[in-house]
Amino acid sequence: MGSPSIWQKKPWWCQPWSIILTGIIIPSTVWLLTHLWWLTLPVVMGILVWWYVFLYLVPKSYTEQTTSDQ
């Protein structure tokens, strides 16, 4: 049987759906409040880095670690 998913060990606020939802809400709010692209763009870039780390790198690393431990 395969190892459990990393998402089974995380709380609700650290699930992919909550990460994506927060990553959409934050830059949308910045844009709606300011209408300044030069302020919104760095926020979007930070969110994209956050998504890459927590939605791609961390699960990939976890999977590699758990498969090498078996």
PDB file of N, CA and C in Angstrom:
ATOM      1  N   MET A   1       0.844  -1.187   0.000  1.00  0.00           N
ATOM      2  CA  MET A   1       0.000   0.000   0.000  1.00  0.00           C
ATOM      3  C   MET A   1       0.883   1.243   0.000  1.00  0.00           C
ATOM      4  N   GLY A   2       0.497   2.281  -0.701  1.00  0.00           N
ATOM      5  CA  GLY A   2       1.282   3.503  -0.811  1.00  0.00           C
ATOM      6  C   GLY A   2       1.278   4.303   0.478  1.00  0.00           C
ATOM      7  N   SER A   3       2.214   5.205   0.549  1.00  0.00           N
ATOM      8  CA  SER A   3       2.290   6.060   1.735  1.00  0.00           C
ATOM      9  C   SER A   3       1.153   7.081   1.694  1.00  0.00           C
ATOM     10  N   PRO A   4       0.744   7.566   2.862  1.00  0.00           N
ATOM     11  CA  PRO A   4      -0.337   8.549   2.887  1.00  0.00           C
ATOM     12  C   PRO A   4       0.096   9.855   2.220  1.00  0.00           C
ATOM     13  N   SER A   5      -0.861  10.548   1.668  1.00  0.00           N
ATOM     14  CA  SER A   5      -0.606  11.827   1.026  1.00  0.00           C
ATOM     15  C   SER A   5      -0.202  12.856   2.073  1.00  0.00           C
ATOM     16  N   ILE A   6       0.636  13.779   1.679  1.00  0.00           N
ATOM     17  CA  ILE A   6       1.029  14.862   2.589  1.00  0.00           C
ATOM     18  C   ILE A   6      -0.192  15.659   3.032  1.00  0.00           C
ATOM     19  N   TRP A   7      -1.197  15.732   2.152  1.00  0.00           N
ATOM     20  CA  TRP A   7      -2.385  16.538   2.457  1.00  0.00           C
ATOM     21  C   TRP A   7      -3.243  15.904   3.540  1.00  0.00           C
ATOM     22  N   GLN A   8      -3.100  14.610   3.768  1.00  0.00           N
ATOM     23  CA  GLN A   8      -3.837  13.955   4.844  1.00  0.00           C
ATOM     24  C   GLN A   8      -3.286  14.341   6.212  1.00  0.00           C
ATOM     25  N   LYS A   9      -2.066  14.819   6.237  1.00  0.00           N
ATOM     26  CA  LYS A   9      -1.431  15.197   7.497  1.00  0.00           C
ATOM     27  C   LYS A   9      -1.552  16.685   7.811  1.00  0.00           C
ATOM     28  N   LYS A  10      -2.067  17.460   6.875  1.00  0.00           N
ATOM     29  CA  LYS A  10      -2.141  18.911   7.043  1.00  0.00           C
ATOM     30  C   LYS A  10      -3.521  19.346   7.528  1.00  0.00           C
ATOM     31  N   PRO A  11      -3.578  20.451   8.302  1.00  0.00           N
ATOM     32  CA  PRO A  11      -4.877  20.984   8.738  1.00  0.00           C
ATOM     33  C   PRO A  11      -5.637  21.605   7.575  1.00  0.00           C
ATOM     34  N   TRP A  12      -6.891  21.938   7.792  1.00  0.00           N
ATOM     35  CA  TRP A  12      -7.751  22.458   6.722  1.00  0.00           C
ATOM     36  C   TRP A  12      -7.196  23.717   6.084  1.00  0.00           C
ATOM     37  N   TRP A  13      -6.546  24.560   6.867  1.00  0.00           N
ATOM     38  CA  TRP A  13      -6.046  25.826   6.340  1.00  0.00           C
ATOM     39  C   TRP A  13      -4.761  25.660   5.533  1.00  0.00           C
ATOM     40  N   CYS A  14      -4.254  24.448   5.453  1.00  0.00           N
ATOM     41  CA  CYS A  14      -3.039  24.176   4.687  1.00  0.00           C
ATOM     42  C   CYS A  14      -3.315  23.135   3.598  1.00  0.00           C
ATOM     43  N   GLN A  15      -4.527  23.097   3.113  1.00  0.00           N
ATOM     44  CA  GLN A  15      -4.917  22.205   2.026  1.00  0.00           C
ATOM     45  C   GLN A  15      -4.786  22.946   0.697  1.00  0.00           C
ATOM     46  N   PRO A  16      -4.656  22.217  -0.410  1.00  0.00           N
ATOM     47  CA  PRO A  16      -4.518  22.898  -1.710  1.00  0.00           C
ATOM     48  C   PRO A  16      -5.645  23.886  -1.998  1.00  0.00           C
ATOM     49  N   TRP A  17      -6.867  23.528  -1.679  1.00  0.00           N
ATOM     50  CA  TRP A  17      -7.991  24.420  -1.976  1.00  0.00           C
ATOM     51  C   TRP A  17      -7.880  25.725  -1.200  1.00  0.00           C
ATOM     52  N   SER A  18      -7.422  25.661   0.054  1.00  0.00           N
ATOM     53  CA  SER A  18      -7.316  26.889   0.842  1.00  0.00           C
ATOM     54  C   SER A  18      -6.125  27.732   0.399  1.00  0.00           C
ATOM     55  N   ILE A  19      -5.050  27.085  -0.039  1.00  0.00           N
ATOM     56  CA  ILE A  19      -3.885  27.801  -0.544  1.00  0.00           C
ATOM     57  C   ILE A  19      -4.253  28.532  -1.837  1.00  0.00           C
ATOM     58  N   ILE A  20      -4.949  27.850  -2.730  1.00  0.00           N
ATOM     59  CA  ILE A  20      -5.354  28.462  -4.000  1.00  0.00           C
ATOM     60  C   ILE A  20      -6.367  29.574  -3.767  1.00  0.00           C
ATOM     61  N   LEU A  21      -7.343  29.329  -2.922  1.00  0.00           N
ATOM     62  CA  LEU A  21      -8.365  30.340  -2.646  1.00  0.00           C
ATOM     63  C   LEU A  21      -7.743  31.602  -2.042  1.00  0.00           C
ATOM     64  N   THR A  22      -6.865  31.431  -1.080  1.00  0.00           N
ATOM     65  CA  THR A  22      -6.191  32.578  -0.466  1.00  0.00           C
ATOM     66  C   THR A  22      -5.338  33.306  -1.491  1.00  0.00           C
ATOM     67  N   GLY A  23      -4.679  32.529  -2.366  1.00  0.00           N
ATOM     68  CA  GLY A  23      -3.843  33.119  -3.403  1.00  0.00           C
ATOM     69  C   GLY A  23      -4.622  33.858  -4.468  1.00  0.00           C
ATOM     70  N   ILE A  24      -5.894  33.620  -4.565  1.00  0.00           N
ATOM     71  CA  ILE A  24      -6.749  34.372  -5.484  1.00  0.00           C
ATOM     72  C   ILE A  24      -7.338  35.590  -4.772  1.00  0.00           C
ATOM     73  N   ILE A  25      -7.740  35.407  -3.539  1.00  0.00           N
ATOM     74  CA  ILE A  25      -8.391  36.482  -2.781  1.00  0.00           C
ATOM     75  C   ILE A  25      -7.436  37.642  -2.492  1.00  0.00           C
ATOM     76  N   ILE A  26      -6.223  37.341  -2.086  1.00  0.00           N
ATOM     77  CA  ILE A  26      -5.292  38.409  -1.687  1.00  0.00           C
ATOM     78  C   ILE A  26      -4.978  39.369  -2.840  1.00  0.00           C
ATOM     79  N   PRO A  27      -4.494  38.886  -4.003  1.00  0.00           N
ATOM     80  CA  PRO A  27      -4.218  39.861  -5.066  1.00  0.00           C
ATOM     81  C   PRO A  27      -5.483  40.522  -5.618  1.00  0.00           C
ATOM     82  N   SER A  28      -6.597  39.798  -5.601  1.00  0.00           N
ATOM     83  CA  SER A  28      -7.856  40.408  -6.049  1.00  0.00           C
ATOM     84  C   SER A  28      -8.245  41.566  -5.146  1.00  0.00           C
ATOM     85  N   THR A  29      -8.072  41.381  -3.861  1.00  0.00           N
ATOM     86  CA  THR A  29      -8.387  42.436  -2.901  1.00  0.00           C
ATOM     87  C   THR A  29      -7.459  43.632  -3.085  1.00  0.00           C
ATOM     88  N   VAL A  30      -6.167  43.351  -3.267  1.00  0.00           N
ATOM     89  CA  VAL A  30      -5.220  44.442  -3.493  1.00  0.00           C
ATOM     90  C   VAL A  30      -5.622  45.229  -4.736  1.00  0.00           C
ATOM     91  N   TRP A  31      -5.981  44.531  -5.814  1.00  0.00           N
ATOM     92  CA  TRP A  31      -6.370  45.216  -7.045  1.00  0.00           C
ATOM     93  C   TRP A  31      -7.660  46.018  -6.852  1.00  0.00           C
ATOM     94  N   LEU A  32      -8.652  45.405  -6.207  1.00  0.00           N
ATOM     95  CA  LEU A  32      -9.928  46.096  -6.011  1.00  0.00           C
ATOM     96  C   LEU A  32      -9.800  47.334  -5.118  1.00  0.00           C
ATOM     97  N   LEU A  33      -8.893  47.286  -4.169  1.00  0.00           N
ATOM     98  CA  LEU A  33      -8.714  48.419  -3.263  1.00  0.00           C
ATOM     99  C   LEU A  33      -7.842  49.519  -3.855  1.00  0.00           C
ATOM    100  N   THR A  34      -6.864  49.149  -4.686  1.00  0.00           N
ATOM    101  CA  THR A  34      -5.903  50.158  -5.138  1.00  0.00           C
ATOM    102  C   THR A  34      -5.969  50.464  -6.635  1.00  0.00           C
ATOM    103  N   HIS A  35      -6.317  49.481  -7.438  1.00  0.00           N
ATOM    104  CA  HIS A  35      -6.266  49.606  -8.904  1.00  0.00           C
ATOM    105  C   HIS A  35      -4.880  50.041  -9.379  1.00  0.00           C
ATOM    106  N   LEU A  36      -3.864  49.567  -8.678  1.00  0.00           N
ATOM    107  CA  LEU A  36      -2.477  49.877  -9.034  1.00  0.00           C
ATOM    108  C   LEU A  36      -1.777  48.579  -9.427  1.00  0.00           C
ATOM    109  N   TRP A  37      -1.445  48.453 -10.712  1.00  0.00           N
ATOM    110  CA  TRP A  37      -0.818  47.221 -11.182  1.00  0.00           C
ATOM    111  C   TRP A  37       0.563  47.025 -10.560  1.00  0.00           C
ATOM    112  N   TRP A  38       1.286  48.138 -10.307  1.00  0.00           N
ATOM    113  CA  TRP A  38       2.631  48.024  -9.761  1.00  0.00           C
ATOM    114  C   TRP A  38       2.621  47.574  -8.296  1.00  0.00           C
ATOM    115  N   LEU A  39       1.494  47.670  -7.654  1.00  0.00           N
ATOM    116  CA  LEU A  39       1.346  47.148  -6.295  1.00  0.00           C
ATOM    117  C   LEU A  39       0.805  45.724  -6.330  1.00  0.00           C
ATOM    118  N   THR A  40      -0.077  45.456  -7.271  1.00  0.00           N
ATOM    119  CA  THR A  40      -0.687  44.131  -7.387  1.00  0.00           C
ATOM    120  C   THR A  40       0.295  43.106  -7.949  1.00  0.00           C
ATOM    121  N   LEU A  41       1.115  43.508  -8.904  1.00  0.00           N
ATOM    122  CA  LEU A  41       2.040  42.577  -9.547  1.00  0.00           C
ATOM    123  C   LEU A  41       3.014  41.908  -8.577  1.00  0.00           C
ATOM    124  N   PRO A  42       3.672  42.642  -7.664  1.00  0.00           N
ATOM    125  CA  PRO A  42       4.544  41.956  -6.704  1.00  0.00           C
ATOM    126  C   PRO A  42       3.777  40.990  -5.796  1.00  0.00           C
ATOM    127  N   VAL A  43       2.543  41.343  -5.472  1.00  0.00           N
ATOM    128  CA  VAL A  43       1.718  40.439  -4.657  1.00  0.00           C
ATOM    129  C   VAL A  43       1.456  39.149  -5.436  1.00  0.00           C
ATOM    130  N   VAL A  44       1.107  39.284  -6.711  1.00  0.00           N
ATOM    131  CA  VAL A  44       0.858  38.110  -7.557  1.00  0.00           C
ATOM    132  C   VAL A  44       2.130  37.274  -7.678  1.00  0.00           C
ATOM    133  N   MET A  45       3.261  37.910  -7.874  1.00  0.00           N
ATOM    134  CA  MET A  45       4.523  37.176  -7.991  1.00  0.00           C
ATOM    135  C   MET A  45       4.831  36.413  -6.695  1.00  0.00           C
ATOM    136  N   GLY A  46       4.601  37.048  -5.563  1.00  0.00           N
ATOM    137  CA  GLY A  46       4.809  36.367  -4.285  1.00  0.00           C
ATOM    138  C   GLY A  46       3.883  35.170  -4.120  1.00  0.00           C
ATOM    139  N   ILE A  47       2.643  35.325  -4.546  1.00  0.00           N
ATOM    140  CA  ILE A  47       1.672  34.232  -4.467  1.00  0.00           C
ATOM    141  C   ILE A  47       2.116  33.081  -5.372  1.00  0.00           C
ATOM    142  N   LEU A  48       2.598  33.391  -6.569  1.00  0.00           N
ATOM    143  CA  LEU A  48       3.045  32.334  -7.484  1.00  0.00           C
ATOM    144  C   LEU A  48       4.227  31.551  -6.901  1.00  0.00           C
ATOM    145  N   VAL A  49       5.139  32.261  -6.249  1.00  0.00           N
ATOM    146  CA  VAL A  49       6.256  31.579  -5.582  1.00  0.00           C
ATOM    147  C   VAL A  49       5.723  30.701  -4.458  1.00  0.00           C
ATOM    148  N   TRP A  50       4.806  31.239  -3.668  1.00  0.00           N
ATOM    149  CA  TRP A  50       4.183  30.503  -2.563  1.00  0.00           C
ATOM    150  C   TRP A  50       3.505  29.240  -3.088  1.00  0.00           C
ATOM    151  N   TRP A  51       2.744  29.369  -4.175  1.00  0.00           N
ATOM    152  CA  TRP A  51       2.086  28.208  -4.773  1.00  0.00           C
ATOM    153  C   TRP A  51       3.108  27.177  -5.240  1.00  0.00           C
ATOM    154  N   TYR A  52       4.158  27.643  -5.899  1.00  0.00           N
ATOM    155  CA  TYR A  52       5.183  26.717  -6.407  1.00  0.00           C
ATOM    156  C   TYR A  52       5.812  25.932  -5.258  1.00  0.00           C
ATOM    157  N   VAL A  53       6.149  26.639  -4.195  1.00  0.00           N
ATOM    158  CA  VAL A  53       6.779  25.969  -3.052  1.00  0.00           C
ATOM    159  C   VAL A  53       5.813  24.995  -2.384  1.00  0.00           C
ATOM    160  N   PHE A  54       4.629  25.451  -2.017  1.00  0.00           N
ATOM    161  CA  PHE A  54       3.733  24.642  -1.197  1.00  0.00           C
ATOM    162  C   PHE A  54       2.834  23.693  -1.979  1.00  0.00           C
ATOM    163  N   LEU A  55       2.625  23.940  -3.260  1.00  0.00           N
ATOM    164  CA  LEU A  55       1.768  23.034  -4.037  1.00  0.00           C
ATOM    165  C   LEU A  55       2.567  22.104  -4.945  1.00  0.00           C
ATOM    166  N   TYR A  56       3.866  22.416  -5.142  1.00  0.00           N
ATOM    167  CA  TYR A  56       4.678  21.547  -6.003  1.00  0.00           C
ATOM    168  C   TYR A  56       5.901  20.989  -5.281  1.00  0.00           C
ATOM    169  N   LEU A  57       6.771  21.856  -4.782  1.00  0.00           N
ATOM    170  CA  LEU A  57       8.026  21.395  -4.197  1.00  0.00           C
ATOM    171  C   LEU A  57       7.843  20.580  -2.914  1.00  0.00           C
ATOM    172  N   VAL A  58       7.021  21.067  -2.010  1.00  0.00           N
ATOM    173  CA  VAL A  58       6.837  20.355  -0.735  1.00  0.00           C
ATOM    174  C   VAL A  58       6.220  18.966  -0.947  1.00  0.00           C
ATOM    175  N   PRO A  59       5.116  18.837  -1.709  1.00  0.00           N
ATOM    176  CA  PRO A  59       4.577  17.486  -1.930  1.00  0.00           C
ATOM    177  C   PRO A  59       5.550  16.573  -2.677  1.00  0.00           C
ATOM    178  N   LYS A  60       6.286  17.129  -3.632  1.00  0.00           N
ATOM    179  CA  LYS A  60       7.264  16.336  -4.374  1.00  0.00           C
ATOM    180  C   LYS A  60       8.358  15.832  -3.442  1.00  0.00           C
ATOM    181  N   SER A  61       8.871  16.711  -2.603  1.00  0.00           N
ATOM    182  CA  SER A  61       9.899  16.335  -1.642  1.00  0.00           C
ATOM    183  C   SER A  61       9.381  15.289  -0.656  1.00  0.00           C
ATOM    184  N   TYR A  62       8.153  15.475  -0.191  1.00  0.00           N
ATOM    185  CA  TYR A  62       7.542  14.520   0.736  1.00  0.00           C
ATOM    186  C   TYR A  62       7.413  13.142   0.088  1.00  0.00           C
ATOM    187  N   THR A  63       6.951  13.115  -1.144  1.00  0.00           N
ATOM    188  CA  THR A  63       6.787  11.843  -1.852  1.00  0.00           C
ATOM    189  C   THR A  63       8.131  11.164  -2.050  1.00  0.00           C
ATOM    190  N   GLU A  64       9.146  11.921  -2.448  1.00  0.00           N
ATOM    191  CA  GLU A  64      10.478  11.350  -2.629  1.00  0.00           C
ATOM    192  C   GLU A  64      11.035  10.815  -1.319  1.00  0.00           C
ATOM    193  N   GLN A  65      10.796  11.541  -0.241  1.00  0.00           N
ATOM    194  CA  GLN A  65      11.299  11.119   1.066  1.00  0.00           C
ATOM    195  C   GLN A  65      10.601   9.851   1.543  1.00  0.00           C
ATOM    196  N   THR A  66       9.288   9.803   1.410  1.00  0.00           N
ATOM    197  CA  THR A  66       8.551   8.640   1.904  1.00  0.00           C
ATOM    198  C   THR A  66       8.814   7.410   1.046  1.00  0.00           C
ATOM    199  N   THR A  67       9.026   7.574  -0.239  1.00  0.00           N
ATOM    200  CA  THR A  67       9.319   6.407  -1.081  1.00  0.00           C
ATOM    201  C   THR A  67      10.741   5.904  -0.861  1.00  0.00           C
ATOM    202  N   SER A  68      11.674   6.802  -0.509  1.00  0.00           N
ATOM    203  CA  SER A  68      13.040   6.349  -0.252  1.00  0.00           C
ATOM    204  C   SER A  68      13.178   5.717   1.129  1.00  0.00           C
ATOM    205  N   ASP A  69      12.257   6.040   2.051  1.00  0.00           N
ATOM    206  CA  ASP A  69      12.287   5.455   3.397  1.00  0.00           C
ATOM    207  C   ASP A  69      11.772   4.014   3.416  1.00  0.00           C
ATOM    208  N   GLN A  70      11.034   3.619   2.411  1.00  0.00           N
ATOM    209  CA  GLN A  70      10.428   2.277   2.410  1.00  0.00           C
ATOM    210  C   GLN A  70      11.379   1.232   1.914  1.00  0.00           C
TER     211      GLN A  70
END
